[in-house]
Amino acid sequence: MADKVAVITGASSGIGRASVRAFAQAGYKLGLIARSQEGLDAAAREAETAGSAAVVVVGDVVKPEAIERLATETEARFGPIDLWVNNAMVTVLSPVAEMTAEEFRRVMEVNYLGTVHGTLAALARMGSRDRGTIVQVGSALAYRSIPLQSAYCASKAAIRGFTDSLRSELLHDRSRQYASIRGDEKPHATQSAAGAADL
């Protein structure tokens, strides 16, 4: 996978950090965003140890301008983005009746709108080249909700609906761009009209 370029949101910890290691080892150059400077710097060092390199942007995926800066700086340094992973997420462990409107808003903004912002930035660049893959980090909770995670479950269900709609549009347009949800119980591989499956 030499000379490939990937963007990962929420890259400072958890699935995002593990994705940094995996894609760096696979030969990808990386664009990384998260709110933690310390975590991002550590992730960038891990990428470099694996023989890769990373552009690091400290920012919040809730802000489209932060995502746009990440995309612009990544392509300026490494070239066209091949893969975009929308991973950033937050959650609140609480009964619904004990949550505040602000807590619901924050979860939906980070998880759902952060994914939308990343997807729009990726499409704006991949569309003209008619190639590229967008991966949304999903959850089984998009299909079956559980107690104490209402906001998180709702956000993942929103991502599923958004991505299903996007996939249908890409298929209709016979696009060679791909959109996929990973990490849930129901794999969603999208194929282009030419029949080439994504990741």
Protein backbone atom coordinates (compact mmCIF):
# COMPACT_ATOMS: atom_id res chain seq x y z
CA MET A 1 0.00 0.00 0.00
CA ALA A 2 2.96 2.32 -0.57
CA ASP A 3 2.22 5.98 -1.35
CA LYS A 4 -1.37 5.77 -0.13
CA VAL A 5 -2.83 8.55 2.04
CA ALA A 6 -5.36 8.12 4.84
CA VAL A 7 -7.12 10.55 7.16
CA ILE A 8 -8.23 9.38 10.60
CA THR A 9 -10.43 11.39 12.95
CA GLY A 10 -10.36 10.77 16.69
CA ALA A 11 -6.82 9.54 16.16
CA SER A 12 -5.38 10.12 19.64
CA SER A 13 -6.81 7.05 21.40
CA GLY A 14 -8.85 3.86 21.13
CA ILE A 15 -9.89 2.65 17.66
CA GLY A 16 -8.44 5.77 16.09
CA ARG A 17 -5.01 5.22 17.62
CA ALA A 18 -5.07 1.54 16.65
CA SER A 19 -5.99 2.60 13.10
CA VAL A 20 -2.99 4.92 13.01
CA ARG A 21 -0.69 2.00 13.81
CA ALA A 22 -2.35 -0.33 11.32
CA PHE A 23 -2.36 2.06 8.38
CA ALA A 24 1.16 3.30 9.12
CA GLN A 25 2.40 -0.29 9.06
CA ALA A 26 0.56 -0.78 5.76
CA GLY A 27 2.51 2.09 4.23
CA TYR A 28 -0.06 4.90 4.36
CA LYS A 29 0.89 8.51 4.98
CA LEU A 30 -1.54 9.95 7.52
CA GLY A 31 -3.60 13.01 8.34
CA LEU A 32 -4.72 12.94 11.98
CA ILE A 33 -7.13 15.02 14.04
CA ALA A 34 -8.23 14.94 17.68
CA ARG A 35 -8.56 17.36 20.57
CA SER A 36 -5.60 15.99 22.51
CA GLN A 37 -2.22 17.42 21.48
CA GLU A 38 -0.42 14.88 23.66
CA GLY A 39 -2.31 11.94 22.21
CA LEU A 40 -1.83 13.13 18.63
CA ASP A 41 1.89 13.67 19.12
CA ALA A 42 2.20 10.13 20.50
CA ALA A 43 0.21 8.75 17.56
CA ALA A 44 2.44 10.61 15.11
CA ARG A 45 5.55 9.15 16.78
CA GLU A 46 4.08 5.66 16.44
CA ALA A 47 3.45 6.30 12.75
CA GLU A 48 7.03 7.47 12.28
CA THR A 49 8.34 4.41 14.10
CA ALA A 50 6.44 2.29 11.59
CA GLY A 51 8.15 4.13 8.73
CA SER A 52 5.29 6.47 7.91
CA ALA A 53 4.68 10.20 8.48
CA ALA A 54 1.71 12.20 9.74
CA VAL A 55 0.13 15.62 9.50
CA VAL A 56 -1.37 16.48 12.89
CA VAL A 57 -4.22 18.93 13.49
CA VAL A 58 -5.48 19.62 16.99
CA GLY A 59 -9.16 20.35 16.56
CA ASP A 60 -12.77 19.36 17.08
CA VAL A 61 -14.64 17.51 14.31
CA VAL A 62 -17.72 19.52 15.27
CA LYS A 63 -16.09 22.46 13.48
CA PRO A 64 -16.07 22.06 9.67
CA GLU A 65 -13.15 24.47 9.39
CA ALA A 66 -10.97 22.12 11.46
CA ILE A 67 -11.81 19.23 9.15
CA GLU A 68 -11.15 21.38 6.09
CA ARG A 69 -7.77 22.40 7.49
CA LEU A 70 -6.87 18.75 8.06
CA ALA A 71 -7.81 17.77 4.52
CA THR A 72 -6.00 20.71 2.96
CA GLU A 73 -2.78 20.24 4.94
CA THR A 74 -2.77 16.48 4.39
CA GLU A 75 -3.08 16.78 0.61
CA ALA A 76 -0.58 19.63 0.47
CA ARG A 77 2.04 17.43 2.12
CA PHE A 78 1.25 13.92 0.87
CA GLY A 79 -0.97 14.24 -2.18
CA PRO A 80 -4.53 13.01 -2.83
CA ILE A 81 -6.40 11.36 0.03
CA ASP A 82 -7.27 7.73 -0.76
CA LEU A 83 -9.01 6.75 2.46
CA TRP A 84 -10.97 8.73 5.07
CA VAL A 85 -11.85 7.11 8.40
CA ASN A 86 -14.52 8.89 10.48
CA ASN A 87 -13.91 7.56 13.96
CA ALA A 88 -14.23 10.46 16.43
CA MET A 89 -16.87 9.81 19.09
CA VAL A 90 -18.05 10.66 22.59
CA THR A 91 -20.70 9.12 24.79
CA VAL A 92 -22.58 9.74 28.04
CA LEU A 93 -23.44 6.80 30.27
CA SER A 94 -26.73 7.84 31.85
CA PRO A 95 -30.48 7.19 32.00
CA VAL A 96 -32.34 9.37 29.52
CA ALA A 97 -34.27 11.21 32.24
CA GLU A 98 -31.03 12.29 33.91
CA MET A 99 -29.35 13.67 30.80
CA THR A 100 -29.30 17.30 29.76
CA ALA A 101 -30.11 18.73 26.37
CA GLU A 102 -26.50 19.88 26.12
CA GLU A 103 -25.24 16.32 26.61
CA PHE A 104 -27.48 15.03 23.82
CA ARG A 105 -26.36 17.87 21.58
CA ARG A 106 -22.67 17.22 22.19
CA VAL A 107 -22.90 13.49 21.43
CA MET A 108 -24.86 14.08 18.23
CA GLU A 109 -22.54 16.85 17.08
CA VAL A 110 -19.34 14.88 17.59
CA ASN A 111 -20.54 11.46 16.48
CA TYR A 112 -23.02 12.27 13.72
CA LEU A 113 -22.14 15.76 12.49
CA GLY A 114 -18.42 15.03 12.85
CA THR A 115 -18.96 12.11 10.48
CA VAL A 116 -20.94 14.31 8.10
CA HIS A 117 -18.22 16.97 8.10
CA GLY A 118 -15.52 14.41 7.40
CA THR A 119 -17.55 12.77 4.66
CA LEU A 120 -18.21 16.09 2.93
CA ALA A 121 -14.52 17.00 3.02
CA ALA A 122 -13.60 13.61 1.58
CA LEU A 123 -16.23 13.75 -1.17
CA ALA A 124 -15.13 17.23 -2.19
CA ARG A 125 -11.68 15.84 -2.97
CA MET A 126 -12.43 12.30 -4.10
CA GLY A 127 -15.30 13.29 -6.39
CA SER A 128 -13.18 15.01 -9.02
CA ARG A 129 -10.87 11.96 -9.13
CA ASP A 130 -13.76 9.47 -8.99
CA ARG A 131 -11.91 7.28 -6.53
CA GLY A 132 -11.48 6.91 -2.79
CA THR A 133 -12.96 5.14 0.20
CA ILE A 134 -14.83 6.61 3.18
CA VAL A 135 -15.12 4.41 6.26
CA GLN A 136 -17.54 5.21 9.08
CA VAL A 137 -16.71 3.45 12.34
CA GLY A 138 -20.04 1.88 13.20
CA SER A 139 -21.57 -0.04 16.08
CA ALA A 140 -24.02 -2.86 16.61
CA LEU A 141 -25.89 -0.31 18.73
CA ALA A 142 -27.00 1.36 15.50
CA TYR A 143 -29.32 -1.64 15.09
CA ARG A 144 -30.19 -2.60 18.66
CA SER A 145 -30.14 0.03 21.39
CA ILE A 146 -29.25 -0.65 25.01
CA PRO A 147 -30.04 1.15 28.27
CA LEU A 148 -27.90 4.08 29.45
CA GLN A 149 -26.54 4.81 25.97
CA SER A 150 -29.48 6.58 24.30
CA ALA A 151 -27.48 9.44 22.78
CA TYR A 152 -24.73 7.18 21.48
CA CYS A 153 -27.20 4.69 20.01
CA ALA A 154 -29.11 7.51 18.31
CA SER A 155 -25.93 8.97 16.85
CA LYS A 156 -24.79 5.65 15.40
CA ALA A 157 -28.23 5.04 13.92
CA ALA A 158 -28.05 8.48 12.31
CA ILE A 159 -24.66 7.62 10.81
CA ARG A 160 -26.09 4.40 9.40
CA GLY A 161 -29.00 6.22 7.77
CA PHE A 162 -26.73 8.92 6.37
CA THR A 163 -24.26 6.41 4.94
CA ASP A 164 -26.96 4.19 3.44
CA SER A 165 -28.30 7.22 1.60
CA LEU A 166 -24.82 8.23 0.41
CA ARG A 167 -24.10 4.71 -0.83
CA SER A 168 -27.29 4.64 -2.88
CA GLU A 169 -26.28 7.95 -4.50
CA LEU A 170 -22.79 6.68 -5.33
CA LEU A 171 -24.22 3.52 -6.84
CA HIS A 172 -26.72 5.51 -8.87
CA ASP A 173 -23.91 7.69 -10.22
CA ARG A 174 -21.80 4.59 -11.01
CA SER A 175 -19.09 6.19 -8.93
CA ARG A 176 -15.80 4.56 -8.07
CA GLN A 177 -15.91 6.20 -4.66
CA TYR A 178 -16.91 3.90 -1.81
CA ALA A 179 -18.64 4.44 1.52
CA SER A 180 -18.64 1.73 4.17
CA ILE A 181 -19.62 1.19 7.79
CA ARG A 182 -17.21 -0.98 9.79
CA GLY A 183 -17.30 -2.34 13.31
CA ASP A 184 -20.95 -3.32 13.49
CA GLU A 185 -22.61 -6.71 13.22
CA LYS A 186 -23.81 -6.18 9.68
CA PRO A 187 -20.99 -5.54 7.17
CA HIS A 188 -21.81 -3.01 4.49
CA ALA A 189 -19.53 -3.42 1.48
CA THR A 190 -20.49 -1.17 -1.37
CA GLN A 191 -19.66 -2.12 -4.93
CA SER A 192 -19.32 0.18 -7.88
CA ALA A 193 -21.05 -0.56 -11.13
CA ALA A 194 -17.80 -2.18 -12.23
CA GLY A 195 -18.15 -4.63 -9.35
CA ALA A 196 -15.05 -3.76 -7.34
CA ALA A 197 -15.76 -4.02 -3.61
CA ASP A 198 -14.30 -1.57 -1.13
CA LEU A 199 -12.14 -2.48 1.89
